[in-house]
Amino acid sequence: VTRERVRQIEAKALRKLRHPMRRHHLRDFY
């Protein structure tokens, strides 16, 4: 696993924390 790959994964995790899936689910629900 390259360092860039790890950074990408970290960025994804941070984005998930900032925008919880719960909100996304609600948007899909309505």
Foldseek 3Di string as FASTA:
>chain_A
DDPVVVVVVVVVVVVCVVPPVVVVVVVVVD
